[in-house]
Amino acid sequence: MAVTTAEDNKFKVWSLEEGNNINTKCIWRCESVGFFRNFPVGEISFSTDGSLLAVAFDSTLTVWVPETNQLKCNLTHTKLNSAIRHVKFGASTCCHLVVTATDTCLGVWNLLTLTLMWVVPIRVNILVADALSNLMAAFSEENDLFVFTPMSGRPVYSHRKLRPDRCSIAAAIFFPRDNKQNICMSSWQQHSQLYFLDNHQELLTLEPKETIEEANQNLEGLDLLPSALSTVTPFTALLAEQSTSGVQHEVTDKTHLQLGVPGREAIRQLNNFYSSISKVTTIRRPPRAPRLQGLRVIIERLSKATTIRRPPRAPRLQGLRVIIERLSSEVYGAQ
């Protein structure tokens, strides 16, 4: 089952079916169409078991049964009077709660009592939920991070100014953690690890200080073979600089650890590398180039010294032509 929204203020419920011919293996068929008072449709969210569907229509939160397209309830409140931008169903022990975010506030609805549990003033940019726990992460427009549970408006973890003002968080996800990893993590990162991507395509995450120190110690224990960097070149200098900066880099408990090399930084390093090569490297002539140059000089000198001479019989032909002209003039003159 899949649900789509469109600019016609309606959402559509689709089901996957087998195709009618050999060329088409499966097709998506529209089962039902839903709308609410011709309000513009916004974000949608399925419950963990897929039995309920939350759809935002302007400032109204509606809950539907997707199989029958039946409207269960519609919820509005004066504290959430602007358009809803984000909708997320709670998980685990918070499966009966729905988190909504507008341009100015973040609120939680209880579907059992049909009441608004709590509201906090925050401009939410990104809202993600952990599928393995009841935790959620909200990134504000000011690049602040708040990790919380829908049961309480008090965050379990917060971090101010994750990125500079010129950056913004573009996407985030809770990625399941490998159970075999024997590392000390915060209580809210036991099941999943939070990754987030900014508008400069830098993938970031949060790590404890102990983990980073252990990784730096492992880097210090790596020894390169003497023959690997025996020749001093711009590339080896760049590699040594990167290795040294990576070992000496320290991150505190509440700072993010950069994973990989940013796109802009990689391009800048390559440009510096190529510019350094162009300054150091000189183009040498091939071994036979001097001989060819000397031969070219000899040919040019011979061409300047050599003059074009008349062939041996050229003077005789010229004298014969003069005699013929004189005879013809005498004959015609006598007539």
Protein backbone atom coordinates (compact mmCIF):
# COMPACT_ATOMS: atom_id res chain seq x y z
CA MET A 1 0.00 0.00 0.00
CA ALA A 2 1.15 3.52 -0.82
CA VAL A 3 -0.31 6.99 -0.33
CA THR A 4 0.36 10.05 -2.48
CA THR A 5 -0.67 13.70 -2.19
CA ALA A 6 -1.15 16.23 -4.97
CA GLU A 7 -1.93 19.87 -5.56
CA ASP A 8 -5.61 19.07 -6.11
CA ASN A 9 -6.02 18.97 -2.27
CA LYS A 10 -6.53 15.21 -2.26
CA PHE A 11 -4.62 12.13 -1.20
CA LYS A 12 -4.82 8.80 -3.00
CA VAL A 13 -4.40 5.28 -1.62
CA TRP A 14 -2.73 2.81 -4.01
CA SER A 15 -2.37 -0.97 -3.94
CA LEU A 16 0.06 -3.18 -5.86
CA GLU A 17 -1.50 -5.79 -8.16
CA GLU A 18 -0.27 -8.23 -10.77
CA GLY A 19 -0.19 -7.12 -14.39
CA ASN A 20 -2.62 -8.27 -17.05
CA ASN A 21 -0.04 -9.17 -19.71
CA ILE A 22 3.46 -10.58 -19.99
CA ASN A 23 5.18 -7.21 -20.42
CA THR A 24 3.65 -5.76 -17.25
CA LYS A 25 4.51 -7.71 -14.10
CA CYS A 26 2.73 -5.47 -11.62
CA ILE A 27 0.75 -2.23 -11.57
CA TRP A 28 -0.34 0.30 -8.97
CA ARG A 29 -4.11 0.71 -8.78
CA CYS A 30 -5.83 3.63 -7.06
CA GLU A 31 -8.16 2.23 -4.40
CA SER A 32 -9.57 5.42 -2.86
CA VAL A 33 -9.32 9.20 -2.78
CA GLY A 34 -9.59 11.36 0.34
CA PHE A 35 -10.04 15.08 0.96
CA PHE A 36 -11.15 17.36 3.80
CA ARG A 37 -13.17 20.56 3.23
CA ASN A 38 -11.07 21.38 0.17
CA PHE A 39 -8.15 22.30 2.46
CA PRO A 40 -4.63 21.97 1.00
CA VAL A 41 -3.14 18.59 1.83
CA GLY A 42 0.25 18.42 3.51
CA GLU A 43 2.41 15.81 5.25
CA ILE A 44 1.24 12.24 5.91
CA SER A 45 2.39 9.47 8.26
CA PHE A 46 1.49 5.82 8.82
CA SER A 47 1.22 4.27 12.23
CA THR A 48 3.75 1.56 13.08
CA ASP A 49 1.28 -1.24 12.30
CA GLY A 50 -0.15 0.50 9.22
CA SER A 51 -3.71 0.54 10.54
CA LEU A 52 -4.00 4.35 10.74
CA LEU A 53 -3.00 7.18 8.47
CA ALA A 54 -2.42 10.74 9.69
CA VAL A 55 -2.91 13.44 7.05
CA ALA A 56 -2.41 17.18 7.57
CA PHE A 57 -4.92 19.50 5.92
CA ASP A 58 -3.72 23.04 6.49
CA SER A 59 -3.83 23.46 10.31
CA THR A 60 -6.07 20.41 10.85
CA LEU A 61 -4.77 16.94 11.67
CA THR A 62 -6.98 14.15 10.30
CA VAL A 63 -6.73 10.43 11.04
CA TRP A 64 -8.02 7.85 8.53
CA VAL A 65 -8.34 4.10 8.12
CA PRO A 66 -6.44 3.55 4.85
CA GLU A 67 -8.10 0.26 3.95
CA THR A 68 -11.64 1.68 4.00
CA ASN A 69 -10.77 5.40 3.58
CA GLN A 70 -12.84 6.16 6.68
CA LEU A 71 -12.23 9.39 8.59
CA LYS A 72 -11.75 8.62 12.27
CA CYS A 73 -11.21 12.12 13.67
CA ASN A 74 -10.02 15.65 12.89
CA LEU A 75 -8.07 17.67 15.45
CA THR A 76 -7.43 21.42 15.67
CA HIS A 77 -6.23 23.77 18.40
CA THR A 78 -5.76 27.52 18.78
CA LYS A 79 -2.10 27.03 19.75
CA LEU A 80 -1.51 25.28 16.42
CA ASN A 81 -3.38 27.63 14.14
CA SER A 82 -0.86 27.71 11.26
CA ALA A 83 -0.26 25.16 8.53
CA ILE A 84 1.18 21.83 9.67
CA ARG A 85 4.61 21.18 8.11
CA HIS A 86 5.60 17.87 9.72
CA VAL A 87 3.63 14.83 10.95
CA LYS A 88 5.08 11.74 12.64
CA PHE A 89 3.44 8.82 14.40
CA GLY A 90 5.08 7.69 17.61
CA ALA A 91 6.55 4.20 17.95
CA SER A 92 6.83 1.58 20.68
CA THR A 93 5.10 2.84 23.83
CA CYS A 94 4.13 6.08 22.05
CA CYS A 95 2.27 4.50 19.12
CA HIS A 96 -0.95 6.30 20.13
CA LEU A 97 0.70 9.74 19.90
CA VAL A 98 1.12 11.93 16.82
CA VAL A 99 3.74 14.67 16.68
CA THR A 100 2.99 17.72 14.53
CA ALA A 101 5.08 20.79 13.80
CA THR A 102 4.07 24.15 12.35
CA ASP A 103 6.16 27.17 11.43
CA THR A 104 6.37 28.25 15.08
CA CYS A 105 5.42 25.33 17.38
CA LEU A 106 5.87 21.62 18.02
CA GLY A 107 2.92 19.76 19.54
CA VAL A 108 1.83 16.22 20.39
CA TRP A 109 -1.71 14.81 20.05
CA ASN A 110 -3.08 11.87 22.03
CA LEU A 111 -5.39 9.81 19.82
CA LEU A 112 -6.88 7.95 22.78
CA THR A 113 -8.17 11.08 24.48
CA LEU A 114 -8.21 13.33 21.38
CA THR A 115 -6.39 16.06 23.29
CA LEU A 116 -3.27 18.14 22.83
CA MET A 117 -0.69 16.94 25.37
CA TRP A 118 2.00 19.63 25.12
CA VAL A 119 3.30 22.41 22.89
CA VAL A 120 6.75 24.02 22.73
CA PRO A 121 7.78 27.04 20.65
CA ILE A 122 10.33 25.92 18.08
CA ARG A 123 10.76 26.41 14.36
CA VAL A 124 11.27 22.86 13.14
CA ASN A 125 13.22 22.30 9.92
CA ILE A 126 13.63 18.49 10.01
CA LEU A 127 11.68 15.94 12.09
CA VAL A 128 12.69 12.27 12.12
CA ALA A 129 11.59 9.28 14.22
CA ASP A 130 13.52 6.22 15.37
CA ALA A 131 11.79 3.01 14.28
CA LEU A 132 13.48 0.96 17.03
CA SER A 133 12.54 3.20 19.97
CA ASN A 134 10.14 5.97 20.95
CA LEU A 135 12.70 8.72 20.30
CA MET A 136 12.44 11.56 17.80
CA ALA A 137 14.90 14.22 16.65
CA ALA A 138 13.94 17.77 15.72
CA PHE A 139 16.36 20.12 13.94
CA SER A 140 15.42 23.78 14.19
CA GLU A 141 15.95 26.55 11.67
CA GLU A 142 18.84 27.77 13.85
CA ASN A 143 20.59 24.34 13.48
CA ASP A 144 19.73 23.30 17.04
CA LEU A 145 19.12 19.62 17.78
CA PHE A 146 16.51 18.32 20.24
CA VAL A 147 16.07 14.61 20.91
CA PHE A 148 12.85 13.82 22.78
CA THR A 149 10.07 11.32 23.35
CA PRO A 150 6.46 12.24 22.52
CA MET A 151 5.51 11.50 26.12
CA SER A 152 7.34 14.59 27.42
CA GLY A 153 8.18 18.04 26.16
CA ARG A 154 11.55 17.97 27.97
CA PRO A 155 14.32 16.80 25.62
CA VAL A 156 16.56 13.90 26.58
CA TYR A 157 19.42 15.50 24.63
CA SER A 158 19.99 18.92 23.08
CA HIS A 159 22.80 20.50 21.13
CA ARG A 160 23.00 24.14 20.11
CA LYS A 161 24.44 25.31 16.79
CA LEU A 162 25.35 22.04 15.15
CA ARG A 163 26.42 23.90 12.01
CA PRO A 164 27.39 27.51 11.22
CA ASP A 165 24.73 30.01 10.26
CA ARG A 166 25.57 29.71 6.57
CA CYS A 167 24.71 25.99 6.67
CA SER A 168 21.38 24.24 7.13
CA ILE A 169 20.35 20.66 7.80
CA ALA A 170 18.91 19.10 4.66
CA ALA A 171 18.05 15.56 5.85
CA ALA A 172 18.45 13.21 8.81
CA ILE A 173 17.88 9.55 9.66
CA PHE A 174 18.13 7.13 12.58
CA PHE A 175 20.22 4.20 11.34
CA PRO A 176 20.02 0.89 13.27
CA ARG A 177 23.16 0.13 15.21
CA ASP A 178 25.02 -3.16 14.95
CA ASN A 179 24.50 -5.17 18.15
CA LYS A 180 28.00 -6.63 17.86
CA GLN A 181 29.61 -3.25 18.42
CA ASN A 182 31.05 -3.08 21.93
CA ILE A 183 31.21 0.67 22.43
CA CYS A 184 29.92 2.97 25.11
CA MET A 185 27.12 5.11 23.71
CA SER A 186 24.63 7.53 25.17
CA SER A 187 21.34 6.08 26.34
CA TRP A 188 19.43 7.61 23.44
CA GLN A 189 21.86 6.07 20.87
CA GLN A 190 21.81 2.49 22.13
CA HIS A 191 19.48 1.25 19.39
CA SER A 192 20.16 3.62 16.49
CA GLN A 193 22.68 6.27 15.50
CA LEU A 194 21.58 9.65 14.22
CA TYR A 195 23.10 10.84 10.93
CA PHE A 196 22.36 14.19 9.32
CA LEU A 197 23.30 15.84 6.04
CA ASP A 198 23.75 19.58 5.53
CA ASN A 199 23.30 21.67 2.39
CA HIS A 200 27.04 21.35 1.60
CA GLN A 201 26.63 17.56 1.28
CA GLU A 202 28.57 16.81 4.46
CA LEU A 203 27.43 13.69 6.31
CA LEU A 204 27.73 14.13 10.08
CA THR A 205 26.99 12.20 13.24
CA LEU A 206 27.42 12.43 17.00
CA GLU A 207 30.01 10.34 18.81
CA PRO A 208 31.19 10.24 22.45
CA LYS A 209 34.63 11.51 23.31
CA GLU A 210 35.89 8.05 24.29
CA THR A 211 35.12 6.63 20.86
CA ILE A 212 36.96 9.42 19.07
CA GLU A 213 40.04 9.07 21.30
CA GLU A 214 40.12 5.34 20.63
CA ALA A 215 39.91 5.95 16.87
CA ASN A 216 42.76 8.47 17.07
CA GLN A 217 44.90 5.97 18.97
CA ASN A 218 44.30 3.38 16.28
CA LEU A 219 45.42 5.87 13.66
CA GLU A 220 48.60 6.61 15.62
CA GLY A 221 49.40 2.88 15.74
CA LEU A 222 49.42 2.56 11.95
CA ASP A 223 52.97 2.66 10.48
CA LEU A 224 53.57 3.25 6.80
CA LEU A 225 56.35 1.39 5.00
CA PRO A 226 59.52 3.51 4.52
CA SER A 227 59.46 2.91 0.77
CA ALA A 228 55.88 4.14 0.47
CA LEU A 229 56.75 7.80 1.09
CA SER A 230 60.46 7.77 0.26
CA THR A 231 60.09 10.21 -2.65
CA VAL A 232 59.08 13.76 -1.73
CA THR A 233 56.39 14.87 -4.13
CA PRO A 234 53.43 17.25 -3.82
CA PHE A 235 51.12 14.24 -3.53
CA THR A 236 53.11 12.68 -0.65
CA ALA A 237 53.23 16.04 1.11
CA LEU A 238 49.45 16.37 0.79
CA LEU A 239 48.96 12.82 2.08
CA ALA A 240 51.24 13.42 5.06
CA GLU A 241 49.43 16.65 5.89
CA GLN A 242 46.05 14.91 5.84
CA SER A 243 47.31 12.04 8.02
CA THR A 244 48.81 14.41 10.59
CA SER A 245 45.71 16.58 10.78
CA GLY A 246 43.52 13.49 11.14
CA VAL A 247 45.56 12.16 14.09
CA GLN A 248 45.73 15.49 15.91
CA HIS A 249 42.03 16.27 15.43
CA GLU A 250 40.11 16.23 18.74
CA VAL A 251 36.37 16.41 19.19
CA THR A 252 34.60 17.06 22.47
CA ASP A 253 31.56 15.19 23.76
CA LYS A 254 29.01 17.57 22.28
CA THR A 255 30.50 18.15 18.86
CA HIS A 256 29.80 16.35 15.62
CA LEU A 257 32.26 14.04 13.89
CA GLN A 258 32.65 14.52 10.16
CA LEU A 259 32.36 11.33 8.11
CA GLY A 260 34.26 11.35 4.82
CA VAL A 261 35.58 14.35 2.93
CA PRO A 262 33.18 17.18 2.02
CA GLY A 263 32.56 17.75 -1.66
CA ARG A 264 33.85 21.33 -1.74
CA GLU A 265 36.87 20.48 0.38
CA ALA A 266 37.83 17.60 -1.94
CA ILE A 267 37.64 19.86 -5.00
CA ARG A 268 39.73 22.52 -3.25
CA GLN A 269 42.39 19.98 -2.31
CA LEU A 270 42.56 18.63 -5.85
CA ASN A 271 42.95 22.15 -7.26
CA ASN A 272 45.78 22.87 -4.84
CA PHE A 273 47.39 19.56 -5.72
CA TYR A 274 47.30 20.19 -9.47
CA SER A 275 48.54 23.76 -9.07
CA SER A 276 51.50 22.57 -6.99
CA ILE A 277 52.32 19.95 -9.62
CA SER A 278 52.23 22.54 -12.41
CA LYS A 279 54.71 24.73 -10.52
CA VAL A 280 57.17 21.93 -9.74
CA THR A 281 56.98 19.79 -12.88
CA THR A 282 58.97 20.87 -16.01
CA ILE A 283 58.46 19.47 -19.48
CA ARG A 284 61.67 17.98 -20.90
CA ARG A 285 62.43 17.39 -24.55
CA PRO A 286 62.72 13.82 -25.77
CA PRO A 287 66.29 12.46 -26.31
CA ARG A 288 66.33 13.11 -30.08
CA ALA A 289 64.99 16.64 -29.86
CA PRO A 290 68.46 18.39 -29.90
CA ARG A 291 69.55 16.53 -33.06
CA LEU A 292 66.36 17.49 -34.83
CA GLN A 293 66.84 21.10 -33.77
CA GLY A 294 70.40 21.16 -35.13
CA LEU A 295 69.32 19.63 -38.43
CA ARG A 296 66.61 22.28 -38.73
CA VAL A 297 69.19 25.07 -38.27
CA ILE A 298 71.46 23.59 -40.98
CA ILE A 299 68.56 23.38 -43.44
CA GLU A 300 67.63 27.02 -42.79
CA ARG A 301 71.22 28.18 -43.40
CA LEU A 302 71.52 26.22 -46.66
CA SER A 303 68.23 27.63 -47.91
CA LYS A 304 69.47 31.20 -47.33
CA ALA A 305 72.91 30.63 -48.98
CA THR A 306 71.68 28.74 -52.04
CA THR A 307 70.66 30.75 -55.20
CA ILE A 308 68.74 29.44 -58.15
CA ARG A 309 70.93 29.25 -61.26
CA ARG A 310 69.82 29.06 -64.87
CA PRO A 311 70.17 25.74 -66.58
CA PRO A 312 73.22 25.40 -68.94
CA ARG A 313 71.23 25.87 -72.16
CA ALA A 314 69.30 28.90 -70.99
CA PRO A 315 71.78 31.55 -72.47
CA ARG A 316 71.85 29.88 -75.90
CA LEU A 317 68.08 29.85 -76.08
CA GLN A 318 68.01 33.49 -75.14
CA GLY A 319 70.51 34.40 -77.93
CA LEU A 320 68.60 32.38 -80.49
CA ARG A 321 65.43 34.21 -79.57
CA VAL A 322 67.16 37.59 -80.19
CA ILE A 323 68.43 36.51 -83.66
CA ILE A 324 64.96 35.35 -84.70
CA GLU A 325 63.42 38.66 -83.64
CA ARG A 326 66.01 40.65 -85.66
CA LEU A 327 65.49 38.55 -88.82
CA SER A 328 61.75 38.88 -88.63
CA SER A 329 61.97 42.65 -88.25
CA GLU A 330 64.30 42.97 -91.29
CA VAL A 331 62.10 40.81 -93.51
CA TYR A 332 58.92 42.63 -92.66
CA GLY A 333 60.63 45.99 -92.82
CA ALA A 334 61.89 45.34 -96.32
CA GLN A 335 58.45 44.48 -97.56
